[in-house]
Amino acid sequence: VINDRECEKRIVSHGEDYERTIKYYLKYGGVIRF
């Protein structure tokens, strides 16, 4: 990540990486996946 503290906030413990994915996707219009 290029650190974005707003995107790193969590409302869940399990599935928190799903939450990160969604937040970065919504804010920046996409996520890079190899």
Full PDB file with SEQRES, HELIX, SHEET, SSBOND, CRYST1, ORIGX, SCALE, CONECT and MASTER records, all heavy atoms in Angstrom:
SEQRES   1 A   34  VAL ILE ASN ASP ARG GLU CYS GLU LYS ARG ILE VAL SER          
SEQRES   2 A   34  HIS GLY GLU ASP TYR GLU ARG THR ILE LYS TYR TYR LEU          
SEQRES   3 A   34  LYS TYR GLY GLY VAL ILE ARG PHE                              
HELIX    1 AA1 GLU A   16  TYR A   28  1                                  13    
CRYST1    1.000    1.000    1.000  90.00  90.00  90.00 P 1           1          
ORIGX1      1.000000  0.000000  0.000000        0.00000                         
ORIGX2      0.000000  1.000000  0.000000        0.00000                         
ORIGX3      0.000000  0.000000  1.000000        0.00000                         
SCALE1      1.000000  0.000000  0.000000        0.00000                         
SCALE2      0.000000  1.000000  0.000000        0.00000                         
SCALE3      0.000000  0.000000  1.000000        0.00000                         
ATOM      1  N   VAL A   1       0.846  -1.196   0.000  1.00  0.00           N  
ATOM      2  CA  VAL A   1       0.000   0.000   0.000  1.00  0.00           C  
ATOM      3  C   VAL A   1       0.875   1.237   0.000  1.00  0.00           C  
ATOM      4  O   VAL A   1       1.983   1.240   0.533  1.00  0.00           O  
ATOM      5  CB  VAL A   1      -0.954   0.061   1.219  1.00  0.00           C  
ATOM      6  CG1 VAL A   1      -1.867  -1.159   1.261  1.00  0.00           C  
ATOM      7  CG2 VAL A   1      -0.192   0.205   2.519  1.00  0.00           C  
ATOM      8  N   ILE A   2       0.380   2.275  -0.654  1.00  0.00           N  
ATOM      9  CA  ILE A   2       0.905   3.617  -0.451  1.00  0.00           C  
ATOM     10  C   ILE A   2       0.007   4.191   0.636  1.00  0.00           C  
ATOM     11  O   ILE A   2      -1.146   4.527   0.395  1.00  0.00           O  
ATOM     12  CB  ILE A   2       0.869   4.431  -1.755  1.00  0.00           C  
ATOM     13  CG1 ILE A   2       1.709   3.737  -2.834  1.00  0.00           C  
ATOM     14  CG2 ILE A   2       1.390   5.851  -1.499  1.00  0.00           C  
ATOM     15  CD1 ILE A   2       1.638   4.379  -4.197  1.00  0.00           C  
ATOM     16  N   ASN A   3       0.514   4.245   1.814  1.00  0.00           N  
ATOM     17  CA  ASN A   3      -0.280   4.358   3.037  1.00  0.00           C  
ATOM     18  C   ASN A   3      -1.367   5.431   2.983  1.00  0.00           C  
ATOM     19  O   ASN A   3      -1.092   6.607   2.785  1.00  0.00           O  
ATOM     20  CB  ASN A   3       0.652   4.624   4.220  1.00  0.00           C  
ATOM     21  CG  ASN A   3      -0.040   4.455   5.556  1.00  0.00           C  
ATOM     22  OD1 ASN A   3      -1.019   3.725   5.678  1.00  0.00           O  
ATOM     23  ND2 ASN A   3       0.490   5.117   6.575  1.00  0.00           N  
ATOM     24  N   ASP A   4      -2.607   4.995   3.188  1.00  0.00           N  
ATOM     25  CA  ASP A   4      -3.759   5.878   3.312  1.00  0.00           C  
ATOM     26  C   ASP A   4      -4.475   5.477   4.596  1.00  0.00           C  
ATOM     27  O   ASP A   4      -5.145   4.439   4.641  1.00  0.00           O  
ATOM     28  CB  ASP A   4      -4.681   5.738   2.102  1.00  0.00           C  
ATOM     29  CG  ASP A   4      -5.865   6.702   2.142  1.00  0.00           C  
ATOM     30  OD1 ASP A   4      -6.422   6.918   3.241  1.00  0.00           O  
ATOM     31  OD2 ASP A   4      -6.259   7.221   1.088  1.00  0.00           O  
ATOM     32  N   ARG A   5      -4.330   6.259   5.630  1.00  0.00           N  
ATOM     33  CA  ARG A   5      -4.865   5.885   6.939  1.00  0.00           C  
ATOM     34  C   ARG A   5      -6.378   5.765   6.937  1.00  0.00           C  
ATOM     35  O   ARG A   5      -6.943   4.979   7.700  1.00  0.00           O  
ATOM     36  CB  ARG A   5      -4.398   6.888   7.992  1.00  0.00           C  
ATOM     37  CG  ARG A   5      -2.905   6.820   8.254  1.00  0.00           C  
ATOM     38  CD  ARG A   5      -2.438   7.923   9.164  1.00  0.00           C  
ATOM     39  NE  ARG A   5      -0.996   7.868   9.382  1.00  0.00           N  
ATOM     40  CZ  ARG A   5      -0.271   8.883   9.829  1.00  0.00           C  
ATOM     41  NH1 ARG A   5      -0.865  10.039  10.111  1.00  0.00           N  
ATOM     42  NH2 ARG A   5       1.030   8.753  10.000  1.00  0.00           N  
ATOM     43  N   GLU A   6      -7.042   6.542   6.093  1.00  0.00           N  
ATOM     44  CA  GLU A   6      -8.499   6.444   6.003  1.00  0.00           C  
ATOM     45  C   GLU A   6      -8.905   5.082   5.460  1.00  0.00           C  
ATOM     46  O   GLU A   6      -9.845   4.447   5.953  1.00  0.00           O  
ATOM     47  CB  GLU A   6      -9.047   7.560   5.111  1.00  0.00           C  
ATOM     48  CG  GLU A   6     -10.562   7.641   5.068  1.00  0.00           C  
ATOM     49  CD  GLU A   6     -11.168   8.031   6.405  1.00  0.00           C  
ATOM     50  OE1 GLU A   6     -10.500   8.758   7.168  1.00  0.00           O  
ATOM     51  OE2 GLU A   6     -12.306   7.594   6.686  1.00  0.00           O  
ATOM     52  N   CYS A   7      -8.195   4.598   4.453  1.00  0.00           N  
ATOM     53  CA  CYS A   7      -8.494   3.282   3.872  1.00  0.00           C  
ATOM     54  C   CYS A   7      -8.107   2.146   4.801  1.00  0.00           C  
ATOM     55  O   CYS A   7      -8.594   1.016   4.634  1.00  0.00           O  
ATOM     56  CB  CYS A   7      -7.775   3.127   2.534  1.00  0.00           C  
ATOM     57  SG  CYS A   7      -8.419   4.172   1.209  1.00  0.00           S  
ATOM     58  N   GLU A   8      -7.232   2.404   5.761  1.00  0.00           N  
ATOM     59  CA  GLU A   8      -6.782   1.353   6.675  1.00  0.00           C  
ATOM     60  C   GLU A   8      -7.639   1.256   7.941  1.00  0.00           C  
ATOM     61  O   GLU A   8      -7.378   0.405   8.792  1.00  0.00           O  
ATOM     62  CB  GLU A   8      -5.322   1.587   7.055  1.00  0.00           C  
ATOM     63  CG  GLU A   8      -4.348   1.460   5.898  1.00  0.00           C  
ATOM     64  CD  GLU A   8      -4.275   0.056   5.312  1.00  0.00           C  
ATOM     65  OE1 GLU A   8      -4.576  -0.914   6.036  1.00  0.00           O  
ATOM     66  OE2 GLU A   8      -3.923  -0.068   4.127  1.00  0.00           O  
ATOM     67  N   LYS A   9      -8.651   2.083   8.061  1.00  0.00           N  
ATOM     68  CA  LYS A   9      -9.566   1.952   9.198  1.00  0.00           C  
ATOM     69  C   LYS A   9     -10.402   0.689   9.021  1.00  0.00           C  
ATOM     70  O   LYS A   9     -10.759   0.314   7.905  1.00  0.00           O  
ATOM     71  CB  LYS A   9     -10.471   3.180   9.311  1.00  0.00           C  
ATOM     72  CG  LYS A   9      -9.745   4.446   9.747  1.00  0.00           C  
ATOM     73  CD  LYS A   9     -10.700   5.623   9.851  1.00  0.00           C  
ATOM     74  CE  LYS A   9      -9.970   6.880  10.297  1.00  0.00           C  
ATOM     75  NZ  LYS A   9     -10.887   8.051  10.367  1.00  0.00           N  
ATOM     76  N   ARG A  10     -10.765   0.041  10.125  1.00  0.00           N  
ATOM     77  CA  ARG A  10     -11.475  -1.231  10.063  1.00  0.00           C  
ATOM     78  C   ARG A  10     -12.760  -1.203  10.888  1.00  0.00           C  
ATOM     79  O   ARG A  10     -12.787  -0.647  11.985  1.00  0.00           O  
ATOM     80  CB  ARG A  10     -10.597  -2.371  10.588  1.00  0.00           C  
ATOM     81  CG  ARG A  10      -9.319  -2.595   9.788  1.00  0.00           C  
ATOM     82  CD  ARG A  10      -9.628  -3.177   8.414  1.00  0.00           C  
ATOM     83  NE  ARG A  10      -8.405  -3.487   7.703  1.00  0.00           N  
ATOM     84  CZ  ARG A  10      -7.778  -2.642   6.887  1.00  0.00           C  
ATOM     85  NH1 ARG A  10      -8.263  -1.420   6.707  1.00  0.00           N  
ATOM     86  NH2 ARG A  10      -6.663  -3.005   6.275  1.00  0.00           N  
ATOM     87  N   ILE A  11     -13.800  -1.830  10.341  1.00  0.00           N  
ATOM     88  CA  ILE A  11     -15.014  -2.068  11.118  1.00  0.00           C  
ATOM     89  C   ILE A  11     -15.160  -3.550  11.444  1.00  0.00           C  
ATOM     90  O   ILE A  11     -16.038  -3.937  12.211  1.00  0.00           O  
ATOM     91  CB  ILE A  11     -16.274  -1.568  10.379  1.00  0.00           C  
ATOM     92  CG1 ILE A  11     -16.474  -2.326   9.058  1.00  0.00           C  
ATOM     93  CG2 ILE A  11     -16.215  -0.073  10.164  1.00  0.00           C  
ATOM     94  CD1 ILE A  11     -17.819  -2.066   8.403  1.00  0.00           C  
ATOM     95  N   VAL A  12     -14.305  -4.404  10.845  1.00  0.00           N  
ATOM     96  CA  VAL A  12     -14.359  -5.843  11.119  1.00  0.00           C  
ATOM     97  C   VAL A  12     -12.956  -6.344  11.434  1.00  0.00           C  
ATOM     98  O   VAL A  12     -11.953  -5.723  11.077  1.00  0.00           O  
ATOM     99  CB  VAL A  12     -14.931  -6.632   9.920  1.00  0.00           C  
ATOM    100  CG1 VAL A  12     -16.382  -6.269   9.677  1.00  0.00           C  
ATOM    101  CG2 VAL A  12     -14.090  -6.442   8.667  1.00  0.00           C  
ATOM    102  N   SER A  13     -12.895  -7.481  12.096  1.00  0.00           N  
ATOM    103  CA  SER A  13     -11.616  -8.140  12.347  1.00  0.00           C  
ATOM    104  C   SER A  13     -11.378  -9.207  11.286  1.00  0.00           C  
ATOM    105  O   SER A  13     -10.466  -9.108  10.475  1.00  0.00           O  
ATOM    106  CB  SER A  13     -11.578  -8.737  13.756  1.00  0.00           C  
ATOM    107  OG  SER A  13     -12.712  -9.546  13.989  1.00  0.00           O  
ATOM    108  N   HIS A  14     -12.222 -10.231  11.239  1.00  0.00           N  
ATOM    109  CA  HIS A  14     -12.052 -11.197  10.155  1.00  0.00           C  
ATOM    110  C   HIS A  14     -12.610 -10.609   8.866  1.00  0.00           C  
ATOM    111  O   HIS A  14     -13.635  -9.951   8.845  1.00  0.00           O  
ATOM    112  CB  HIS A  14     -12.765 -12.515  10.452  1.00  0.00           C  
ATOM    113  CG  HIS A  14     -12.469 -13.548   9.408  1.00  0.00           C  
ATOM    114  ND1 HIS A  14     -11.336 -14.315   9.441  1.00  0.00           N  
ATOM    115  CD2 HIS A  14     -13.136 -13.886   8.277  1.00  0.00           C  
ATOM    116  CE1 HIS A  14     -11.319 -15.104   8.378  1.00  0.00           C  
ATOM    117  NE2 HIS A  14     -12.401 -14.864   7.658  1.00  0.00           N  
ATOM    118  N   GLY A  15     -11.901 -10.860   7.764  1.00  0.00           N  
ATOM    119  CA  GLY A  15     -12.297 -10.270   6.492  1.00  0.00           C  
ATOM    120  C   GLY A  15     -11.787  -8.854   6.335  1.00  0.00           C  
ATOM    121  O   GLY A  15     -12.211  -8.134   5.431  1.00  0.00           O  
ATOM    122  N   GLU A  16     -10.863  -8.445   7.212  1.00  0.00           N  
ATOM    123  CA  GLU A  16     -10.388  -7.074   7.164  1.00  0.00           C  
ATOM    124  C   GLU A  16      -9.638  -6.770   5.871  1.00  0.00           C  
ATOM    125  O   GLU A  16      -9.582  -5.625   5.436  1.00  0.00           O  
ATOM    126  CB  GLU A  16      -9.529  -6.749   8.385  1.00  0.00           C  
ATOM    127  CG  GLU A  16      -8.323  -7.633   8.608  1.00  0.00           C  
ATOM    128  CD  GLU A  16      -7.136  -7.227   7.771  1.00  0.00           C  
ATOM    129  OE1 GLU A  16      -7.053  -6.044   7.405  1.00  0.00           O  
ATOM    130  OE2 GLU A  16      -6.307  -8.093   7.460  1.00  0.00           O  
ATOM    131  N   ASP A  17      -9.064  -7.800   5.216  1.00  0.00           N  
ATOM    132  CA  ASP A  17      -8.403  -7.531   3.946  1.00  0.00           C  
ATOM    133  C   ASP A  17      -9.413  -7.335   2.810  1.00  0.00           C  
ATOM    134  O   ASP A  17      -9.131  -6.634   1.835  1.00  0.00           O  
ATOM    135  CB  ASP A  17      -7.367  -8.605   3.596  1.00  0.00           C  
ATOM    136  CG  ASP A  17      -7.865 -10.021   3.795  1.00  0.00           C  
ATOM    137  OD1 ASP A  17      -9.044 -10.218   4.145  1.00  0.00           O  
ATOM    138  OD2 ASP A  17      -7.058 -10.952   3.603  1.00  0.00           O  
ATOM    139  N   TYR A  18     -10.603  -7.939   2.937  1.00  0.00           N  
ATOM    140  CA  TYR A  18     -11.685  -7.608   2.009  1.00  0.00           C  
ATOM    141  C   TYR A  18     -12.062  -6.131   2.171  1.00  0.00           C  
ATOM    142  O   TYR A  18     -12.306  -5.423   1.189  1.00  0.00           O  
ATOM    143  CB  TYR A  18     -12.910  -8.479   2.266  1.00  0.00           C  
ATOM    144  CG  TYR A  18     -12.790  -9.887   1.749  1.00  0.00           C  
ATOM    145  CD1 TYR A  18     -12.292 -10.901   2.561  1.00  0.00           C  
ATOM    146  CD2 TYR A  18     -13.176 -10.212   0.452  1.00  0.00           C  
ATOM    147  CE1 TYR A  18     -12.174 -12.203   2.093  1.00  0.00           C  
ATOM    148  CE2 TYR A  18     -13.067 -11.507  -0.028  1.00  0.00           C  
ATOM    149  CZ  TYR A  18     -12.556 -12.509   0.797  1.00  0.00           C  
ATOM    150  OH  TYR A  18     -12.437 -13.792   0.328  1.00  0.00           O  
ATOM    151  N   GLU A  19     -12.108  -5.703   3.417  1.00  0.00           N  
ATOM    152  CA  GLU A  19     -12.457  -4.307   3.689  1.00  0.00           C  
ATOM    153  C   GLU A  19     -11.408  -3.365   3.106  1.00  0.00           C  
ATOM    154  O   GLU A  19     -11.748  -2.335   2.503  1.00  0.00           O  
ATOM    155  CB  GLU A  19     -12.606  -4.085   5.194  1.00  0.00           C  
ATOM    156  CG  GLU A  19     -13.100  -2.698   5.555  1.00  0.00           C  
ATOM    157  CD  GLU A  19     -13.324  -2.527   7.052  1.00  0.00           C  
ATOM    158  OE1 GLU A  19     -13.029  -3.463   7.838  1.00  0.00           O  
ATOM    159  OE2 GLU A  19     -13.794  -1.441   7.435  1.00  0.00           O  
ATOM    160  N   ARG A  20     -10.120  -3.693   3.286  1.00  0.00           N  
ATOM    161  CA  ARG A  20      -9.066  -2.864   2.706  1.00  0.00           C  
ATOM    162  C   ARG A  20      -9.229  -2.791   1.186  1.00  0.00           C  
ATOM    163  O   ARG A  20      -9.158  -1.705   0.593  1.00  0.00           O  
ATOM    164  CB  ARG A  20      -7.688  -3.428   3.024  1.00  0.00           C  
ATOM    165  CG  ARG A  20      -6.588  -2.656   2.268  1.00  0.00           C  
ATOM    166  CD  ARG A  20      -5.250  -3.350   2.243  1.00  0.00           C  
ATOM    167  NE  ARG A  20      -4.627  -3.330   3.543  1.00  0.00           N  
ATOM    168  CZ  ARG A  20      -4.368  -4.423   4.248  1.00  0.00           C  
ATOM    169  NH1 ARG A  20      -4.698  -5.608   3.775  1.00  0.00           N  
ATOM    170  NH2 ARG A  20      -3.798  -4.331   5.423  1.00  0.00           N  
ATOM    171  N   THR A  21      -9.449  -3.944   0.545  1.00  0.00           N  
ATOM    172  CA  THR A  21      -9.594  -3.979  -0.912  1.00  0.00           C  
ATOM    173  C   THR A  21     -10.700  -3.033  -1.372  1.00  0.00           C  
ATOM    174  O   THR A  21     -10.522  -2.227  -2.293  1.00  0.00           O  
ATOM    175  CB  THR A  21      -9.912  -5.405  -1.387  1.00  0.00           C  
ATOM    176  OG1 THR A  21      -8.891  -6.307  -0.945  1.00  0.00           O  
ATOM    177  CG2 THR A  21     -10.004  -5.462  -2.902  1.00  0.00           C  
ATOM    178  N   ILE A  22     -11.850  -3.146  -0.729  1.00  0.00           N  
ATOM    179  CA  ILE A  22     -13.006  -2.332  -1.123  1.00  0.00           C  
ATOM    180  C   ILE A  22     -12.719  -0.849  -0.933  1.00  0.00           C  
ATOM    181  O   ILE A  22     -13.025  -0.018  -1.802  1.00  0.00           O  
ATOM    182  CB  ILE A  22     -14.256  -2.751  -0.318  1.00  0.00           C  
ATOM    183  CG1 ILE A  22     -14.690  -4.165  -0.725  1.00  0.00           C  
ATOM    184  CG2 ILE A  22     -15.394  -1.765  -0.536  1.00  0.00           C  
ATOM    185  CD1 ILE A  22     -15.749  -4.764   0.191  1.00  0.00           C  
ATOM    186  N   LYS A  23     -12.114  -0.484   0.196  1.00  0.00           N  
ATOM    187  CA  LYS A  23     -11.878   0.929   0.480  1.00  0.00           C  
ATOM    188  C   LYS A  23     -10.897   1.551  -0.503  1.00  0.00           C  
ATOM    189  O   LYS A  23     -11.116   2.668  -1.000  1.00  0.00           O  
ATOM    190  CB  LYS A  23     -11.386   1.097   1.921  1.00  0.00           C  
ATOM    191  CG  LYS A  23     -12.483   0.924   2.955  1.00  0.00           C  
ATOM    192  CD  LYS A  23     -11.989   1.261   4.348  1.00  0.00           C  
ATOM    193  CE  LYS A  23     -13.148   1.305   5.334  1.00  0.00           C  
ATOM    194  NZ  LYS A  23     -12.704   1.690   6.688  1.00  0.00           N  
ATOM    195  N   TYR A  24      -9.799   0.856  -0.798  1.00  0.00           N  
ATOM    196  CA  TYR A  24      -8.847   1.398  -1.763  1.00  0.00           C  
ATOM    197  C   TYR A  24      -9.466   1.433  -3.162  1.00  0.00           C  
ATOM    198  O   TYR A  24      -9.209   2.364  -3.941  1.00  0.00           O  
ATOM    199  CB  TYR A  24      -7.559   0.577  -1.773  1.00  0.00           C  
ATOM    200  CG  TYR A  24      -6.577   0.973  -0.692  1.00  0.00           C  
ATOM    201  CD1 TYR A  24      -6.473   0.244   0.495  1.00  0.00           C  
ATOM    202  CD2 TYR A  24      -5.733   2.074  -0.855  1.00  0.00           C  
ATOM    203  CE1 TYR A  24      -5.571   0.593   1.484  1.00  0.00           C  
ATOM    204  CE2 TYR A  24      -4.817   2.434   0.134  1.00  0.00           C  
ATOM    205  CZ  TYR A  24      -4.744   1.688   1.302  1.00  0.00           C  
ATOM    206  OH  TYR A  24      -3.842   2.055   2.279  1.00  0.00           O  
ATOM    207  N   TYR A  25     -10.273   0.444  -3.489  1.00  0.00           N  
ATOM    208  CA  TYR A  25     -10.941   0.414  -4.800  1.00  0.00           C  
ATOM    209  C   TYR A  25     -11.895   1.596  -4.950  1.00  0.00           C  
ATOM    210  O   TYR A  25     -11.897   2.290  -5.974  1.00  0.00           O  
ATOM    211  CB  TYR A  25     -11.695  -0.901  -4.959  1.00  0.00           C  
ATOM    212  CG  TYR A  25     -12.585  -0.946  -6.189  1.00  0.00           C  
ATOM    213  CD1 TYR A  25     -12.063  -1.241  -7.437  1.00  0.00           C  
ATOM    214  CD2 TYR A  25     -13.948  -0.683  -6.089  1.00  0.00           C  
ATOM    215  CE1 TYR A  25     -12.876  -1.268  -8.567  1.00  0.00           C  
ATOM    216  CE2 TYR A  25     -14.774  -0.703  -7.205  1.00  0.00           C  
ATOM    217  CZ  TYR A  25     -14.228  -1.003  -8.433  1.00  0.00           C  
ATOM    218  OH  TYR A  25     -15.033  -1.017  -9.545  1.00  0.00           O  
ATOM    219  N   LEU A  26     -12.705   1.837  -3.940  1.00  0.00           N  
ATOM    220  CA  LEU A  26     -13.683   2.909  -4.018  1.00  0.00           C  
ATOM    221  C   LEU A  26     -13.008   4.282  -4.076  1.00  0.00           C  
ATOM    222  O   LEU A  26     -13.438   5.169  -4.814  1.00  0.00           O  
ATOM    223  CB  LEU A  26     -14.629   2.854  -2.819  1.00  0.00           C  
ATOM    224  CG  LEU A  26     -15.672   1.734  -2.830  1.00  0.00           C  
ATOM    225  CD1 LEU A  26     -16.427   1.703  -1.501  1.00  0.00           C  
ATOM    226  CD2 LEU A  26     -16.651   1.920  -3.990  1.00  0.00           C  
ATOM    227  N   LYS A  27     -11.943   4.461  -3.319  1.00  0.00           N  
ATOM    228  CA  LYS A  27     -11.311   5.788  -3.247  1.00  0.00           C  
ATOM    229  C   LYS A  27     -10.453   6.088  -4.467  1.00  0.00           C  
ATOM    230  O   LYS A  27     -10.412   7.243  -4.939  1.00  0.00           O  
ATOM    231  CB  LYS A  27     -10.476   5.902  -1.977  1.00  0.00           C  
ATOM    232  CG  LYS A  27      -9.922   7.307  -1.748  1.00  0.00           C  
ATOM    233  CD  LYS A  27      -9.364   7.472  -0.353  1.00  0.00           C  
ATOM    234  CE  LYS A  27      -8.858   8.904  -0.136  1.00  0.00           C  
ATOM    235  NZ  LYS A  27      -8.356   9.110   1.251  1.00  0.00           N  
ATOM    236  N   TYR A  28      -9.782   5.052  -5.014  1.00  0.00           N  
ATOM    237  CA  TYR A  28      -8.822   5.298  -6.087  1.00  0.00           C  
ATOM    238  C   TYR A  28      -9.217   4.667  -7.422  1.00  0.00           C  
ATOM    239  O   TYR A  28      -8.461   4.752  -8.390  1.00  0.00           O  
ATOM    240  CB  TYR A  28      -7.434   4.819  -5.661  1.00  0.00           C  
ATOM    241  CG  TYR A  28      -6.917   5.597  -4.468  1.00  0.00           C  
ATOM    242  CD1 TYR A  28      -6.960   5.053  -3.186  1.00  0.00           C  
ATOM    243  CD2 TYR A  28      -6.433   6.893  -4.614  1.00  0.00           C  
ATOM    244  CE1 TYR A  28      -6.515   5.775  -2.085  1.00  0.00           C  
ATOM    245  CE2 TYR A  28      -5.985   7.625  -3.530  1.00  0.00           C  
ATOM    246  CZ  TYR A  28      -6.031   7.056  -2.260  1.00  0.00           C  
ATOM    247  OH  TYR A  28      -5.597   7.787  -1.177  1.00  0.00           O  
ATOM    248  N   GLY A  29     -10.390   4.052  -7.482  1.00  0.00           N  
ATOM    249  CA  GLY A  29     -10.899   3.558  -8.757  1.00  0.00           C  
ATOM    250  C   GLY A  29     -10.346   2.232  -9.208  1.00  0.00           C  
ATOM    251  O   GLY A  29     -10.600   1.803 -10.346  1.00  0.00           O  
ATOM    252  N   GLY A  30      -9.619   1.546  -8.353  1.00  0.00           N  
ATOM    253  CA  GLY A  30      -9.096   0.237  -8.715  1.00  0.00           C  
ATOM    254  C   GLY A  30      -8.021  -0.228  -7.756  1.00  0.00           C  
ATOM    255  O   GLY A  30      -7.537   0.543  -6.908  1.00  0.00           O  
ATOM    256  N   VAL A  31      -7.655  -1.495  -7.878  1.00  0.00           N  
ATOM    257  CA  VAL A  31      -6.538  -2.081  -7.142  1.00  0.00           C  
ATOM    258  C   VAL A  31      -5.726  -2.925  -8.123  1.00  0.00           C  
ATOM    259  O   VAL A  31      -6.273  -3.511  -9.065  1.00  0.00           O  
ATOM    260  CB  VAL A  31      -7.006  -2.951  -5.950  1.00  0.00           C  
ATOM    261  CG1 VAL A  31      -7.567  -2.099  -4.830  1.00  0.00           C  
ATOM    262  CG2 VAL A  31      -8.036  -3.990  -6.385  1.00  0.00           C  
ATOM    263  N   ILE A  32      -4.437  -2.981  -7.909  1.00  0.00           N  
ATOM    264  CA  ILE A  32      -3.539  -3.743  -8.769  1.00  0.00           C  
ATOM    265  C   ILE A  32      -3.396  -5.160  -8.229  1.00  0.00           C  
ATOM    266  O   ILE A  32      -3.070  -5.346  -7.060  1.00  0.00           O  
ATOM    267  CB  ILE A  32      -2.136  -3.090  -8.810  1.00  0.00           C  
ATOM    268  CG1 ILE A  32      -2.209  -1.627  -9.235  1.00  0.00           C  
ATOM    269  CG2 ILE A  32      -1.196  -3.903  -9.711  1.00  0.00           C  
ATOM    270  CD1 ILE A  32      -2.579  -1.388 -10.656  1.00  0.00           C  
ATOM    271  N   ARG A  33      -3.670  -6.167  -9.089  1.00  0.00           N  
ATOM    272  CA  ARG A  33      -3.442  -7.546  -8.642  1.00  0.00           C  
ATOM    273  C   ARG A  33      -2.651  -8.323  -9.682  1.00  0.00           C  
ATOM    274  O   ARG A  33      -3.035  -8.391 -10.848  1.00  0.00           O  
ATOM    275  CB  ARG A  33      -4.752  -8.275  -8.339  1.00  0.00           C  
ATOM    276  CG  ARG A  33      -4.501  -9.557  -7.527  1.00  0.00           C  
ATOM    277  CD  ARG A  33      -5.770 -10.240  -7.090  1.00  0.00           C  
ATOM    278  NE  ARG A  33      -6.348 -11.079  -8.132  1.00  0.00           N  
ATOM    279  CZ  ARG A  33      -7.405 -11.879  -7.963  1.00  0.00           C  
ATOM    280  NH1 ARG A  33      -8.015 -11.888  -6.784  1.00  0.00           N  
ATOM    281  NH2 ARG A  33      -7.885 -12.593  -8.952  1.00  0.00           N  
ATOM    282  N   PHE A  34      -1.547  -8.914  -9.222  1.00  0.00           N  
ATOM    283  CA  PHE A  34      -0.753  -9.806 -10.052  1.00  0.00           C  
ATOM    284  C   PHE A  34      -1.400 -11.193 -10.003  1.00  0.00           C  
ATOM    285  O   PHE A  34      -1.240 -11.928  -9.021  1.00  0.00           O  
ATOM    286  CB  PHE A  34       0.687  -9.880  -9.548  1.00  0.00           C  
ATOM    287  CG  PHE A  34       1.445  -8.587  -9.659  1.00  0.00           C  
ATOM    288  CD1 PHE A  34       1.545  -7.724  -8.575  1.00  0.00           C  
ATOM    289  CD2 PHE A  34       2.054  -8.220 -10.853  1.00  0.00           C  
ATOM    290  CE1 PHE A  34       2.242  -6.527  -8.673  1.00  0.00           C  
ATOM    291  CE2 PHE A  34       2.751  -7.026 -10.961  1.00  0.00           C  
ATOM    292  CZ  PHE A  34       2.854  -6.167  -9.871  1.00  0.00           C  
TER     293      PHE A  34                                                      
MASTER        0    0    0    1    0    0    0    6  292    1    0    3          
END                                                                             
